[in-house]
Amino acid sequence: EKLLLSAIANWGQKNEGARVEEAELFVKTVFVDSGAMLKRVLPAPQ
């Protein structure tokens, strides 16, 4: 949600004078990539 609000604000900066309500904004593309992985060790029996 915070990321979407940031994207709306970025659109507002690019299109000065245009209103968000009148522009009919939609989520064009959104994707998730894997990032860094922290590897930890959990003690186990034996």
All heavy atoms as atom14 arrays in JSON, in Angstrom:
{
  "sequence": "EKLLLSAIANWGQKNEGARVEEAELFVKTVFVDSGAMLKRVLPAPQ",
  "atom14_mask": [
    [1, 1, 1, 1, 1, 1, 1, 1, 1, 0, 0, 0, 0, 0],
    [1, 1, 1, 1, 1, 1, 1, 1, 1, 0, 0, 0, 0, 0],
    [1, 1, 1, 1, 1, 1, 1, 1, 0, 0, 0, 0, 0, 0],
    [1, 1, 1, 1, 1, 1, 1, 1, 0, 0, 0, 0, 0, 0],
    [1, 1, 1, 1, 1, 1, 1, 1, 0, 0, 0, 0, 0, 0],
    [1, 1, 1, 1, 1, 1, 0, 0, 0, 0, 0, 0, 0, 0],
    [1, 1, 1, 1, 1, 0, 0, 0, 0, 0, 0, 0, 0, 0],
    [1, 1, 1, 1, 1, 1, 1, 1, 0, 0, 0, 0, 0, 0],
    [1, 1, 1, 1, 1, 0, 0, 0, 0, 0, 0, 0, 0, 0],
    [1, 1, 1, 1, 1, 1, 1, 1, 0, 0, 0, 0, 0, 0],
    [1, 1, 1, 1, 1, 1, 1, 1, 1, 1, 1, 1, 1, 1],
    [1, 1, 1, 1, 0, 0, 0, 0, 0, 0, 0, 0, 0, 0],
    [1, 1, 1, 1, 1, 1, 1, 1, 1, 0, 0, 0, 0, 0],
    [1, 1, 1, 1, 1, 1, 1, 1, 1, 0, 0, 0, 0, 0],
    [1, 1, 1, 1, 1, 1, 1, 1, 0, 0, 0, 0, 0, 0],
    [1, 1, 1, 1, 1, 1, 1, 1, 1, 0, 0, 0, 0, 0],
    [1, 1, 1, 1, 0, 0, 0, 0, 0, 0, 0, 0, 0, 0],
    [1, 1, 1, 1, 1, 0, 0, 0, 0, 0, 0, 0, 0, 0],
    [1, 1, 1, 1, 1, 1, 1, 1, 1, 1, 1, 0, 0, 0],
    [1, 1, 1, 1, 1, 1, 1, 0, 0, 0, 0, 0, 0, 0],
    [1, 1, 1, 1, 1, 1, 1, 1, 1, 0, 0, 0, 0, 0],
    [1, 1, 1, 1, 1, 1, 1, 1, 1, 0, 0, 0, 0, 0],
    [1, 1, 1, 1, 1, 0, 0, 0, 0, 0, 0, 0, 0, 0],
    [1, 1, 1, 1, 1, 1, 1, 1, 1, 0, 0, 0, 0, 0],
    [1, 1, 1, 1, 1, 1, 1, 1, 0, 0, 0, 0, 0, 0],
    [1, 1, 1, 1, 1, 1, 1, 1, 1, 1, 1, 0, 0, 0],
    [1, 1, 1, 1, 1, 1, 1, 0, 0, 0, 0, 0, 0, 0],
    [1, 1, 1, 1, 1, 1, 1, 1, 1, 0, 0, 0, 0, 0],
    [1, 1, 1, 1, 1, 1, 1, 0, 0, 0, 0, 0, 0, 0],
    [1, 1, 1, 1, 1, 1, 1, 0, 0, 0, 0, 0, 0, 0],
    [1, 1, 1, 1, 1, 1, 1, 1, 1, 1, 1, 0, 0, 0],
    [1, 1, 1, 1, 1, 1, 1, 0, 0, 0, 0, 0, 0, 0],
    [1, 1, 1, 1, 1, 1, 1, 1, 0, 0, 0, 0, 0, 0],
    [1, 1, 1, 1, 1, 1, 0, 0, 0, 0, 0, 0, 0, 0],
    [1, 1, 1, 1, 0, 0, 0, 0, 0, 0, 0, 0, 0, 0],
    [1, 1, 1, 1, 1, 0, 0, 0, 0, 0, 0, 0, 0, 0],
    [1, 1, 1, 1, 1, 1, 1, 1, 0, 0, 0, 0, 0, 0],
    [1, 1, 1, 1, 1, 1, 1, 1, 0, 0, 0, 0, 0, 0],
    [1, 1, 1, 1, 1, 1, 1, 1, 1, 0, 0, 0, 0, 0],
    [1, 1, 1, 1, 1, 1, 1, 1, 1, 1, 1, 0, 0, 0],
    [1, 1, 1, 1, 1, 1, 1, 0, 0, 0, 0, 0, 0, 0],
    [1, 1, 1, 1, 1, 1, 1, 1, 0, 0, 0, 0, 0, 0],
    [1, 1, 1, 1, 1, 1, 1, 0, 0, 0, 0, 0, 0, 0],
    [1, 1, 1, 1, 1, 0, 0, 0, 0, 0, 0, 0, 0, 0],
    [1, 1, 1, 1, 1, 1, 1, 0, 0, 0, 0, 0, 0, 0],
    [1, 1, 1, 1, 1, 1, 1, 1, 1, 0, 0, 0, 0, 0]
  ],
  "atom14_positions": [
    [[0.84, -1.21, 0.0], [0.0, 0.0, 0.0], [0.87, 1.25, 0.0], [0.62, 2.2, -0.77], [-0.9, -0.01, 1.23], [-1.82, 1.19, 1.32], [-2.64, 1.21, 2.6], [-2.5, 0.28, 3.43], [-3.41, 2.17, 2.77], [0.0, 0.0, 0.0], [0.0, 0.0, 0.0], [0.0, 0.0, 0.0], [0.0, 0.0, 0.0], [0.0, 0.0, 0.0]],
    [[1.89, 1.25, 0.82], [2.8, 2.4, 0.87], [3.54, 2.57, -0.46], [3.76, 3.69, -0.93], [3.8, 2.19, 2.02], [4.63, 3.37, 2.34], [5.43, 3.13, 3.59], [6.27, 4.32, 3.95], [7.07, 4.11, 5.16], [0.0, 0.0, 0.0], [0.0, 0.0, 0.0], [0.0, 0.0, 0.0], [0.0, 0.0, 0.0], [0.0, 0.0, 0.0]],
    [[3.9, 1.45, -1.09], [4.56, 1.48, -2.39], [3.63, 2.05, -3.46], [4.05, 2.84, -4.31], [5.03, 0.08, -2.77], [5.8, -0.05, -4.06], [7.16, 0.63, -3.94], [5.98, -1.51, -4.41], [0.0, 0.0, 0.0], [0.0, 0.0, 0.0], [0.0, 0.0, 0.0], [0.0, 0.0, 0.0], [0.0, 0.0, 0.0], [0.0, 0.0, 0.0]],
    [[2.37, 1.66, -3.42], [1.39, 2.18, -4.37], [1.19, 3.68, -4.2], [1.11, 4.43, -5.17], [0.06, 1.44, -4.22], [-1.07, 1.84, -5.15], [-0.66, 1.68, -6.61], [-2.3, 1.0, -4.86], [0.0, 0.0, 0.0], [0.0, 0.0, 0.0], [0.0, 0.0, 0.0], [0.0, 0.0, 0.0], [0.0, 0.0, 0.0], [0.0, 0.0, 0.0]],
    [[1.13, 4.14, -2.96], [1.01, 5.58, -2.71], [2.24, 6.33, -3.23], [2.14, 7.44, -3.75], [0.81, 5.84, -1.22], [-0.54, 5.4, -0.65], [-0.54, 5.51, 0.87], [-1.67, 6.21, -1.25], [0.0, 0.0, 0.0], [0.0, 0.0, 0.0], [0.0, 0.0, 0.0], [0.0, 0.0, 0.0], [0.0, 0.0, 0.0], [0.0, 0.0, 0.0]],
    [[3.4, 5.71, -3.12], [4.63, 6.31, -3.64], [4.58, 6.4, -5.16], [4.99, 7.41, -5.75], [5.84, 5.49, -3.19], [7.01, 5.99, -3.76], [0.0, 0.0, 0.0], [0.0, 0.0, 0.0], [0.0, 0.0, 0.0], [0.0, 0.0, 0.0], [0.0, 0.0, 0.0], [0.0, 0.0, 0.0], [0.0, 0.0, 0.0], [0.0, 0.0, 0.0]],
    [[4.08, 5.37, -5.81], [3.97, 5.38, -7.27], [2.99, 6.46, -7.73], [3.22, 7.14, -8.73], [3.51, 4.01, -7.78], [0.0, 0.0, 0.0], [0.0, 0.0, 0.0], [0.0, 0.0, 0.0], [0.0, 0.0, 0.0], [0.0, 0.0, 0.0], [0.0, 0.0, 0.0], [0.0, 0.0, 0.0], [0.0, 0.0, 0.0], [0.0, 0.0, 0.0]],
    [[1.9, 6.65, -6.99], [0.93, 7.71, -7.32], [1.59, 9.08, -7.17], [1.4, 9.97, -8.01], [-0.32, 7.59, -6.42], [-1.07, 6.3, -6.74], [-1.23, 8.79, -6.59], [-2.13, 5.94, -5.74], [0.0, 0.0, 0.0], [0.0, 0.0, 0.0], [0.0, 0.0, 0.0], [0.0, 0.0, 0.0], [0.0, 0.0, 0.0], [0.0, 0.0, 0.0]],
    [[2.37, 9.27, -6.11], [3.08, 10.53, -5.91], [4.11, 10.76, -7.02], [4.28, 11.89, -7.5], [3.75, 10.55, -4.54], [0.0, 0.0, 0.0], [0.0, 0.0, 0.0], [0.0, 0.0, 0.0], [0.0, 0.0, 0.0], [0.0, 0.0, 0.0], [0.0, 0.0, 0.0], [0.0, 0.0, 0.0], [0.0, 0.0, 0.0], [0.0, 0.0, 0.0]],
    [[4.79, 9.71, -7.44], [5.75, 9.82, -8.55], [5.04, 10.22, -9.84], [5.56, 11.03, -10.61], [6.49, 8.51, -8.76], [7.42, 8.18, -7.62], [7.74, 9.04, -6.79], [7.85, 6.94, -7.55], [0.0, 0.0, 0.0], [0.0, 0.0, 0.0], [0.0, 0.0, 0.0], [0.0, 0.0, 0.0], [0.0, 0.0, 0.0], [0.0, 0.0, 0.0]],
    [[3.85, 9.66, -10.07], [3.08, 10.03, -11.25], [2.68, 11.51, -11.18], [2.72, 12.22, -12.18], [1.83, 9.16, -11.37], [1.06, 9.41, -12.61], [1.24, 8.82, -13.81], [0.0, 10.36, -12.77], [0.35, 9.33, -14.72], [-0.42, 10.28, -14.11], [-0.63, 11.25, -11.93], [-1.45, 11.06, -14.61], [-1.64, 12.03, -12.43], [-2.04, 11.94, -13.76]],
    [[2.31, 11.96, -9.99], [1.95, 13.37, -9.8], [3.11, 14.31, -10.08], [2.93, 15.4, -10.6], [0.0, 0.0, 0.0], [0.0, 0.0, 0.0], [0.0, 0.0, 0.0], [0.0, 0.0, 0.0], [0.0, 0.0, 0.0], [0.0, 0.0, 0.0], [0.0, 0.0, 0.0], [0.0, 0.0, 0.0], [0.0, 0.0, 0.0], [0.0, 0.0, 0.0]],
    [[4.33, 13.88, -9.72], [5.51, 14.71, -9.98], [5.81, 14.78, -11.49], [6.23, 15.82, -11.99], [6.73, 14.14, -9.25], [6.71, 14.37, -7.76], [6.86, 15.83, -7.42], [7.65, 16.55, -8.02], [6.07, 16.29, -6.46], [0.0, 0.0, 0.0], [0.0, 0.0, 0.0], [0.0, 0.0, 0.0], [0.0, 0.0, 0.0], [0.0, 0.0, 0.0]],
    [[5.61, 13.68, -12.19], [5.88, 13.66, -13.63], [4.85, 14.46, -14.41], [5.15, 15.05, -15.44], [5.86, 12.22, -14.16], [7.13, 11.48, -13.94], [7.06, 10.15, -14.67], [8.4, 9.47, -14.68], [8.35, 8.2, -15.42], [0.0, 0.0, 0.0], [0.0, 0.0, 0.0], [0.0, 0.0, 0.0], [0.0, 0.0, 0.0], [0.0, 0.0, 0.0]],
    [[3.6, 14.46, -13.94], [2.5, 15.11, -14.65], [1.96, 16.27, -13.82], [0.87, 16.18, -13.26], [1.38, 14.09, -14.92], [1.88, 12.91, -15.71], [2.31, 13.06, -16.83], [1.83, 11.74, -15.1], [0.0, 0.0, 0.0], [0.0, 0.0, 0.0], [0.0, 0.0, 0.0], [0.0, 0.0, 0.0], [0.0, 0.0, 0.0], [0.0, 0.0, 0.0]],
    [[2.72, 17.32, -13.77], [2.29, 18.48, -12.98], [1.08, 19.12, -13.63], [0.99, 19.24, -14.84], [3.43, 19.48, -12.86], [4.56, 18.93, -12.02], [5.44, 20.02, -11.48], [4.97, 21.16, -11.34], [6.59, 19.71, -11.19], [0.0, 0.0, 0.0], [0.0, 0.0, 0.0], [0.0, 0.0, 0.0], [0.0, 0.0, 0.0], [0.0, 0.0, 0.0]],
    [[0.13, 19.5, -12.81], [-1.08, 20.11, -13.3], [-2.2, 19.11, -13.56], [-3.36, 19.48, -13.65], [0.0, 0.0, 0.0], [0.0, 0.0, 0.0], [0.0, 0.0, 0.0], [0.0, 0.0, 0.0], [0.0, 0.0, 0.0], [0.0, 0.0, 0.0], [0.0, 0.0, 0.0], [0.0, 0.0, 0.0], [0.0, 0.0, 0.0], [0.0, 0.0, 0.0]],
    [[-1.85, 17.84, -13.68], [-2.87, 16.8, -13.89], [-3.36, 16.29, -12.54], [-2.59, 16.18, -11.59], [-2.29, 15.64, -14.7], [0.0, 0.0, 0.0], [0.0, 0.0, 0.0], [0.0, 0.0, 0.0], [0.0, 0.0, 0.0], [0.0, 0.0, 0.0], [0.0, 0.0, 0.0], [0.0, 0.0, 0.0], [0.0, 0.0, 0.0], [0.0, 0.0, 0.0]],
    [[-4.65, 15.98, -12.47], [-5.22, 15.48, -11.22], [-5.3, 13.97, -11.27], [-5.64, 13.38, -12.29], [-6.61, 16.08, -11.02], [-6.54, 17.6, -10.82], [-7.83, 18.17, -10.39], [-8.33, 17.45, -9.22], [-9.57, 17.52, -8.8], [-10.45, 18.24, -9.45], [-9.96, 16.85, -7.74], [0.0, 0.0, 0.0], [0.0, 0.0, 0.0], [0.0, 0.0, 0.0]],
    [[-5.02, 13.35, -10.16], [-5.02, 11.89, -10.06], [-6.42, 11.35, -10.27], [-6.62, 10.31, -10.93], [-4.46, 11.45, -8.69], [-4.56, 9.96, -8.51], [-3.01, 11.9, -8.54], [0.0, 0.0, 0.0], [0.0, 0.0, 0.0], [0.0, 0.0, 0.0], [0.0, 0.0, 0.0], [0.0, 0.0, 0.0], [0.0, 0.0, 0.0], [0.0, 0.0, 0.0]],
    [[-7.43, 12.05, -9.75], [-8.8, 11.57, -9.85], [-9.29, 11.54, -11.3], [-10.05, 10.67, -11.69], [-9.75, 12.45, -9.02], [-9.49, 12.42, -7.53], [-8.37, 13.36, -7.1], [-8.0, 14.26, -7.89], [-7.84, 13.17, -6.0], [0.0, 0.0, 0.0], [0.0, 0.0, 0.0], [0.0, 0.0, 0.0], [0.0, 0.0, 0.0], [0.0, 0.0, 0.0]],
    [[-8.86, 12.51, -12.1], [-9.32, 12.61, -13.48], [-8.5, 11.73, -14.44], [-8.92, 11.47, -15.55], [-9.25, 14.06, -13.95], [-10.19, 14.97, -13.18], [-9.94, 16.44, -13.48], [-9.0, 16.74, -14.25], [-10.68, 17.27, -12.95], [0.0, 0.0, 0.0], [0.0, 0.0, 0.0], [0.0, 0.0, 0.0], [0.0, 0.0, 0.0], [0.0, 0.0, 0.0]],
    [[-7.33, 11.29, -14.01], [-6.43, 10.56, -14.9], [-6.78, 9.08, -15.05], [-6.27, 8.42, -15.93], [-5.0, 10.68, -14.4], [0.0, 0.0, 0.0], [0.0, 0.0, 0.0], [0.0, 0.0, 0.0], [0.0, 0.0, 0.0], [0.0, 0.0, 0.0], [0.0, 0.0, 0.0], [0.0, 0.0, 0.0], [0.0, 0.0, 0.0], [0.0, 0.0, 0.0]],
    [[-7.66, 8.56, -14.2], [-8.03, 7.15, -14.21], [-6.8, 6.26, -14.13], [-6.55, 5.42, -15.01], [-8.85, 6.81, -15.45], [-10.18, 7.52, -15.53], [-10.96, 7.12, -16.77], [-10.68, 6.07, -17.35], [-11.86, 7.88, -17.15], [0.0, 0.0, 0.0], [0.0, 0.0, 0.0], [0.0, 0.0, 0.0], [0.0, 0.0, 0.0], [0.0, 0.0, 0.0]],
    [[-6.01, 6.43, -13.08], [-4.8, 5.64, -12.91], [-5.15, 4.19, -12.62], [-6.13, 3.89, -11.95], [-3.97, 6.19, -11.75], [-3.28, 7.52, -11.97], [-2.51, 7.92, -10.73], [-2.35, 7.46, -13.16], [0.0, 0.0, 0.0], [0.0, 0.0, 0.0], [0.0, 0.0, 0.0], [0.0, 0.0, 0.0], [0.0, 0.0, 0.0], [0.0, 0.0, 0.0]],
    [[-4.31, 3.29, -13.13], [-4.45, 1.87, -12.84], [-3.07, 1.25, -12.65], [-2.06, 1.81, -13.07], [-5.23, 1.16, -13.94], [-4.49, 1.01, -15.24], [-3.92, -0.19, -15.59], [-4.36, 2.08, -16.11], [-3.24, -0.34, -16.78], [-3.68, 1.95, -17.29], [-3.11, 0.73, -17.63], [0.0, 0.0, 0.0], [0.0, 0.0, 0.0], [0.0, 0.0, 0.0]],
    [[-3.03, 0.1, -12.02], [-1.77, -0.62, -11.79], [-1.44, -1.36, -13.07], [-2.05, -2.38, -13.39], [-1.9, -1.59, -10.6], [-0.6, -2.33, -10.38], [-2.31, -0.85, -9.35], [0.0, 0.0, 0.0], [0.0, 0.0, 0.0], [0.0, 0.0, 0.0], [0.0, 0.0, 0.0], [0.0, 0.0, 0.0], [0.0, 0.0, 0.0], [0.0, 0.0, 0.0]],
    [[-0.5, -0.83, -13.82], [-0.16, -1.39, -15.12], [0.64, -2.68, -14.97], [0.29, -3.71, -15.56], [0.65, -0.37, -15.93], [1.02, -0.82, -17.31], [1.74, 0.28, -18.04], [2.1, -0.15, -19.45], [2.84, 0.92, -20.14], [0.0, 0.0, 0.0], [0.0, 0.0, 0.0], [0.0, 0.0, 0.0], [0.0, 0.0, 0.0], [0.0, 0.0, 0.0]],
    [[1.69, -2.63, -14.19], [2.56, -3.78, -13.99], [3.01, -3.82, -12.55], [3.3, -2.78, -11.97], [3.82, -3.7, -14.89], [3.43, -3.43, -16.22], [4.62, -4.96, -14.82], [0.0, 0.0, 0.0], [0.0, 0.0, 0.0], [0.0, 0.0, 0.0], [0.0, 0.0, 0.0], [0.0, 0.0, 0.0], [0.0, 0.0, 0.0], [0.0, 0.0, 0.0]],
    [[3.06, -5.01, -11.99], [3.62, -5.18, -10.66], [4.2, -6.58, -10.6], [3.57, -7.55, -11.02], [2.58, -4.92, -9.54], [1.4, -5.83, -9.66], [3.2, -5.03, -8.18], [0.0, 0.0, 0.0], [0.0, 0.0, 0.0], [0.0, 0.0, 0.0], [0.0, 0.0, 0.0], [0.0, 0.0, 0.0], [0.0, 0.0, 0.0], [0.0, 0.0, 0.0]],
    [[5.46, -6.68, -10.15], [6.08, -7.99, -10.05], [7.02, -8.04, -8.86], [7.46, -7.01, -8.35], [6.81, -8.38, -11.35], [7.83, -7.39, -11.81], [9.15, -7.48, -11.4], [7.49, -6.38, -12.69], [10.1, -6.58, -11.85], [8.42, -5.48, -13.14], [9.73, -5.58, -12.71], [0.0, 0.0, 0.0], [0.0, 0.0, 0.0], [0.0, 0.0, 0.0]],
    [[7.28, -9.27, -8.42], [8.1, -9.52, -7.23], [9.27, -10.4, -7.63], [9.08, -11.46, -8.23], [7.27, -10.22, -6.13], [8.13, -10.5, -4.92], [6.08, -9.38, -5.75], [0.0, 0.0, 0.0], [0.0, 0.0, 0.0], [0.0, 0.0, 0.0], [0.0, 0.0, 0.0], [0.0, 0.0, 0.0], [0.0, 0.0, 0.0], [0.0, 0.0, 0.0]],
    [[10.47, -9.97, -7.31], [11.68, -10.77, -7.52], [12.26, -11.13, -6.16], [12.1, -10.39, -5.2], [12.72, -9.97, -8.31], [12.26, -9.63, -9.7], [11.58, -10.48, -10.3], [12.58, -8.53, -10.17], [0.0, 0.0, 0.0], [0.0, 0.0, 0.0], [0.0, 0.0, 0.0], [0.0, 0.0, 0.0], [0.0, 0.0, 0.0], [0.0, 0.0, 0.0]],
    [[12.95, -12.25, -6.1], [13.56, -12.63, -4.83], [14.82, -11.81, -4.59], [15.54, -11.47, -5.52], [13.88, -14.12, -4.8], [14.79, -14.43, -5.82], [0.0, 0.0, 0.0], [0.0, 0.0, 0.0], [0.0, 0.0, 0.0], [0.0, 0.0, 0.0], [0.0, 0.0, 0.0], [0.0, 0.0, 0.0], [0.0, 0.0, 0.0], [0.0, 0.0, 0.0]],
    [[15.06, -11.48, -3.34], [16.21, -10.69, -2.96], [17.25, -11.54, -2.25], [17.31, -12.76, -2.42], [0.0, 0.0, 0.0], [0.0, 0.0, 0.0], [0.0, 0.0, 0.0], [0.0, 0.0, 0.0], [0.0, 0.0, 0.0], [0.0, 0.0, 0.0], [0.0, 0.0, 0.0], [0.0, 0.0, 0.0], [0.0, 0.0, 0.0], [0.0, 0.0, 0.0]],
    [[18.03, -10.91, -1.41], [19.07, -11.61, -0.67], [18.45, -12.56, 0.35], [17.35, -12.33, 0.85], [19.97, -10.6, 0.03], [0.0, 0.0, 0.0], [0.0, 0.0, 0.0], [0.0, 0.0, 0.0], [0.0, 0.0, 0.0], [0.0, 0.0, 0.0], [0.0, 0.0, 0.0], [0.0, 0.0, 0.0], [0.0, 0.0, 0.0], [0.0, 0.0, 0.0]],
    [[19.16, -13.61, 0.64], [18.66, -14.6, 1.58], [19.64, -14.71, 2.75], [20.84, -14.92, 2.55], [18.54, -15.96, 0.88], [17.8, -16.98, 1.66], [17.73, -18.58, 0.83], [17.32, -18.19, -0.84], [0.0, 0.0, 0.0], [0.0, 0.0, 0.0], [0.0, 0.0, 0.0], [0.0, 0.0, 0.0], [0.0, 0.0, 0.0], [0.0, 0.0, 0.0]],
    [[19.12, -14.52, 3.96], [19.94, -14.69, 5.16], [19.89, -16.15, 5.56], [18.81, -16.72, 5.71], [19.41, -13.83, 6.3], [19.42, -12.32, 6.09], [18.73, -11.64, 7.27], [20.83, -11.82, 5.95], [0.0, 0.0, 0.0], [0.0, 0.0, 0.0], [0.0, 0.0, 0.0], [0.0, 0.0, 0.0], [0.0, 0.0, 0.0], [0.0, 0.0, 0.0]],
    [[21.05, -16.77, 5.73], [21.09, -18.19, 6.07], [21.47, -18.33, 7.53], [22.5, -17.83, 7.97], [22.07, -18.91, 5.16], [21.61, -18.88, 3.73], [22.55, -19.55, 2.79], [22.01, -19.46, 1.38], [22.95, -19.97, 0.4], [0.0, 0.0, 0.0], [0.0, 0.0, 0.0], [0.0, 0.0, 0.0], [0.0, 0.0, 0.0], [0.0, 0.0, 0.0]],
    [[20.62, -19.03, 8.27], [20.82, -19.23, 9.7], [20.8, -20.72, 10.0], [20.32, -21.52, 9.19], [19.72, -18.53, 10.52], [19.65, -17.03, 10.3], [20.86, -16.35, 10.92], [20.81, -14.92, 10.77], [21.52, -14.24, 9.9], [22.29, -14.87, 9.05], [21.46, -12.93, 9.85], [0.0, 0.0, 0.0], [0.0, 0.0, 0.0], [0.0, 0.0, 0.0]],
    [[21.27, -21.09, 11.19], [21.32, -22.49, 11.58], [20.5, -22.67, 12.85], [20.63, -21.89, 13.79], [22.77, -22.94, 11.81], [22.82, -24.35, 12.33], [23.56, -22.82, 10.52], [0.0, 0.0, 0.0], [0.0, 0.0, 0.0], [0.0, 0.0, 0.0], [0.0, 0.0, 0.0], [0.0, 0.0, 0.0], [0.0, 0.0, 0.0], [0.0, 0.0, 0.0]],
    [[19.64, -23.7, 12.85], [18.83, -24.04, 14.01], [19.32, -25.38, 14.56], [19.37, -26.36, 13.83], [17.36, -24.15, 13.59], [16.37, -24.42, 14.69], [16.23, -23.18, 15.58], [15.02, -24.78, 14.12], [0.0, 0.0, 0.0], [0.0, 0.0, 0.0], [0.0, 0.0, 0.0], [0.0, 0.0, 0.0], [0.0, 0.0, 0.0], [0.0, 0.0, 0.0]],
    [[19.71, -25.42, 15.82], [20.17, -26.7, 16.39], [19.06, -27.75, 16.33], [17.9, -27.46, 16.57], [20.51, -26.36, 17.83], [20.69, -24.89, 17.86], [19.81, -24.34, 16.79], [0.0, 0.0, 0.0], [0.0, 0.0, 0.0], [0.0, 0.0, 0.0], [0.0, 0.0, 0.0], [0.0, 0.0, 0.0], [0.0, 0.0, 0.0], [0.0, 0.0, 0.0]],
    [[19.45, -28.98, 16.01], [18.51, -30.09, 15.87], [18.98, -31.24, 16.75], [20.11, -31.23, 17.25], [18.42, -30.51, 14.41], [0.0, 0.0, 0.0], [0.0, 0.0, 0.0], [0.0, 0.0, 0.0], [0.0, 0.0, 0.0], [0.0, 0.0, 0.0], [0.0, 0.0, 0.0], [0.0, 0.0, 0.0], [0.0, 0.0, 0.0], [0.0, 0.0, 0.0]],
    [[18.15, -32.24, 16.96], [18.53, -33.36, 17.83], [19.73, -34.14, 17.31], [20.01, -34.15, 16.11], [17.28, -34.25, 17.8], [16.18, -33.4, 17.33], [16.78, -32.34, 16.51], [0.0, 0.0, 0.0], [0.0, 0.0, 0.0], [0.0, 0.0, 0.0], [0.0, 0.0, 0.0], [0.0, 0.0, 0.0], [0.0, 0.0, 0.0], [0.0, 0.0, 0.0]],
    [[20.43, -34.79, 18.21], [21.57, -35.66, 17.94], [22.71, -34.94, 17.24], [23.38, -35.47, 16.37], [21.13, -36.87, 17.12], [20.09, -37.72, 17.84], [19.68, -38.93, 17.04], [20.12, -39.13, 15.91], [18.8, -39.75, 17.63], [0.0, 0.0, 0.0], [0.0, 0.0, 0.0], [0.0, 0.0, 0.0], [0.0, 0.0, 0.0], [0.0, 0.0, 0.0]]
  ]
}
